[in-house]
């Protein structure tokens, strides 16, 4: 950077982008907190509950991803 030129990153985040990042961070942190609480209460059964939740999520995703008639 010589000659006084301003090269670099420009701020391009709008209100929606900043809000989406904030909400994503809050939800992401909440998932880890809930997982820790469940691990303390359910112990080894928490792995089984995660597998069951993943299976339900997979079936829900497949039902939404079906081809239109």
C-alpha atoms as a PDB file:
ATOM      1  CA  UNK A   1       0.000   0.000   0.000  1.00  0.00           C
ATOM      2  CA  UNK A   2       1.984   2.889  -1.214  1.00  0.00           C
ATOM      3  CA  UNK A   3       1.026   6.235  -2.619  1.00  0.00           C
ATOM      4  CA  UNK A   4      -1.907   6.774  -0.285  1.00  0.00           C
ATOM      5  CA  UNK A   5      -4.270   4.395  -2.096  1.00  0.00           C
ATOM      6  CA  UNK A   6      -6.933   2.790   0.032  1.00  0.00           C
ATOM      7  CA  UNK A   7      -6.903  -0.875  -0.815  1.00  0.00           C
ATOM      8  CA  UNK A   8      -8.479  -3.379   1.485  1.00  0.00           C
ATOM      9  CA  UNK A   9     -11.711  -4.830   2.634  1.00  0.00           C
ATOM     10  CA  UNK A  10     -14.867  -2.803   2.354  1.00  0.00           C
ATOM     11  CA  UNK A  11     -17.767  -3.222   4.792  1.00  0.00           C
ATOM     12  CA  UNK A  12     -20.557  -4.926   2.872  1.00  0.00           C
ATOM     13  CA  UNK A  13     -22.737  -6.379   5.621  1.00  0.00           C
ATOM     14  CA  UNK A  14     -26.238  -5.053   5.691  1.00  0.00           C
ATOM     15  CA  UNK A  15     -28.754  -5.194   8.494  1.00  0.00           C
ATOM     16  CA  UNK A  16     -30.160  -8.561   7.356  1.00  0.00           C
ATOM     17  CA  UNK A  17     -26.666 -10.101   7.095  1.00  0.00           C
ATOM     18  CA  UNK A  18     -25.618  -8.931  10.551  1.00  0.00           C
ATOM     19  CA  UNK A  19     -28.905 -10.146  12.035  1.00  0.00           C
ATOM     20  CA  UNK A  20     -28.547 -13.560  10.368  1.00  0.00           C
ATOM     21  CA  UNK A  21     -25.011 -13.975  11.723  1.00  0.00           C
ATOM     22  CA  UNK A  22     -26.137 -13.017  15.233  1.00  0.00           C
ATOM     23  CA  UNK A  23     -29.140 -15.351  15.240  1.00  0.00           C
ATOM     24  CA  UNK A  24     -26.989 -18.175  13.859  1.00  0.00           C
ATOM     25  CA  UNK A  25     -24.433 -17.692  16.629  1.00  0.00           C
ATOM     26  CA  UNK A  26     -27.127 -17.718  19.312  1.00  0.00           C
ATOM     27  CA  UNK A  27     -28.760 -20.880  17.950  1.00  0.00           C
ATOM     28  CA  UNK A  28     -25.390 -22.585  17.474  1.00  0.00           C
ATOM     29  CA  UNK A  29     -24.340 -21.841  21.038  1.00  0.00           C
ATOM     30  CA  UNK A  30     -27.723 -23.007  22.311  1.00  0.00           C
ATOM     31  CA  UNK A  31     -27.282 -26.378  20.629  1.00  0.00           C
ATOM     32  CA  UNK A  32     -24.013 -26.967  22.479  1.00  0.00           C
ATOM     33  CA  UNK A  33     -25.513 -25.891  25.802  1.00  0.00           C
ATOM     34  CA  UNK A  34     -28.523 -28.183  25.419  1.00  0.00           C
ATOM     35  CA  UNK A  35     -26.255 -31.071  24.416  1.00  0.00           C
ATOM     36  CA  UNK A  36     -24.231 -30.574  27.590  1.00  0.00           C
ATOM     37  CA  UNK A  37     -27.331 -30.516  29.770  1.00  0.00           C
ATOM     38  CA  UNK A  38     -28.713 -33.654  28.115  1.00  0.00           C
ATOM     39  CA  UNK A  39     -25.377 -35.452  28.524  1.00  0.00           C
ATOM     40  CA  UNK A  40     -25.463 -34.668  32.237  1.00  0.00           C
ATOM     41  CA  UNK A  41     -29.000 -35.948  32.667  1.00  0.00           C
ATOM     42  CA  UNK A  42     -29.199 -38.887  30.269  1.00  0.00           C
ATOM     43  CA  UNK A  43     -25.590 -40.039  30.263  1.00  0.00           C
ATOM     44  CA  UNK A  44     -24.819 -42.633  27.585  1.00  0.00           C
ATOM     45  CA  UNK A  45     -28.446 -42.599  26.392  1.00  0.00           C
ATOM     46  CA  UNK A  46     -27.814 -39.133  24.939  1.00  0.00           C
ATOM     47  CA  UNK A  47     -26.009 -40.779  22.013  1.00  0.00           C
ATOM     48  CA  UNK A  48     -29.119 -42.833  21.304  1.00  0.00           C
ATOM     49  CA  UNK A  49     -31.305 -39.735  21.473  1.00  0.00           C
ATOM     50  CA  UNK A  50     -28.990 -37.914  19.026  1.00  0.00           C
ATOM     51  CA  UNK A  51     -29.183 -40.830  16.577  1.00  0.00           C
ATOM     52  CA  UNK A  52     -32.969 -40.881  16.881  1.00  0.00           C
ATOM     53  CA  UNK A  53     -33.157 -37.117  16.319  1.00  0.00           C
ATOM     54  CA  UNK A  54     -30.883 -37.445  13.273  1.00  0.00           C
ATOM     55  CA  UNK A  55     -33.136 -40.151  11.840  1.00  0.00           C
ATOM     56  CA  UNK A  56     -36.235 -38.000  12.315  1.00  0.00           C
ATOM     57  CA  UNK A  57     -34.431 -35.039  10.725  1.00  0.00           C
ATOM     58  CA  UNK A  58     -33.375 -37.186   7.766  1.00  0.00           C
ATOM     59  CA  UNK A  59     -36.921 -38.391   7.165  1.00  0.00           C
ATOM     60  CA  UNK A  60     -38.240 -34.846   7.426  1.00  0.00           C
ATOM     61  CA  UNK A  61     -35.623 -33.595   4.958  1.00  0.00           C
ATOM     62  CA  UNK A  62     -36.467 -36.393   2.528  1.00  0.00           C
ATOM     63  CA  UNK A  63     -40.167 -35.569   2.713  1.00  0.00           C
ATOM     64  CA  UNK A  64     -39.457 -31.927   1.865  1.00  0.00           C
ATOM     65  CA  UNK A  65     -36.997 -32.847  -0.897  1.00  0.00           C
ATOM     66  CA  UNK A  66     -39.395 -35.060  -2.838  1.00  0.00           C
ATOM     67  CA  UNK A  67     -39.933 -34.301  -6.495  1.00  0.00           C
ATOM     68  CA  UNK A  68     -43.013 -32.223  -7.284  1.00  0.00           C
ATOM     69  CA  UNK A  69     -45.858 -34.135  -8.957  1.00  0.00           C
END
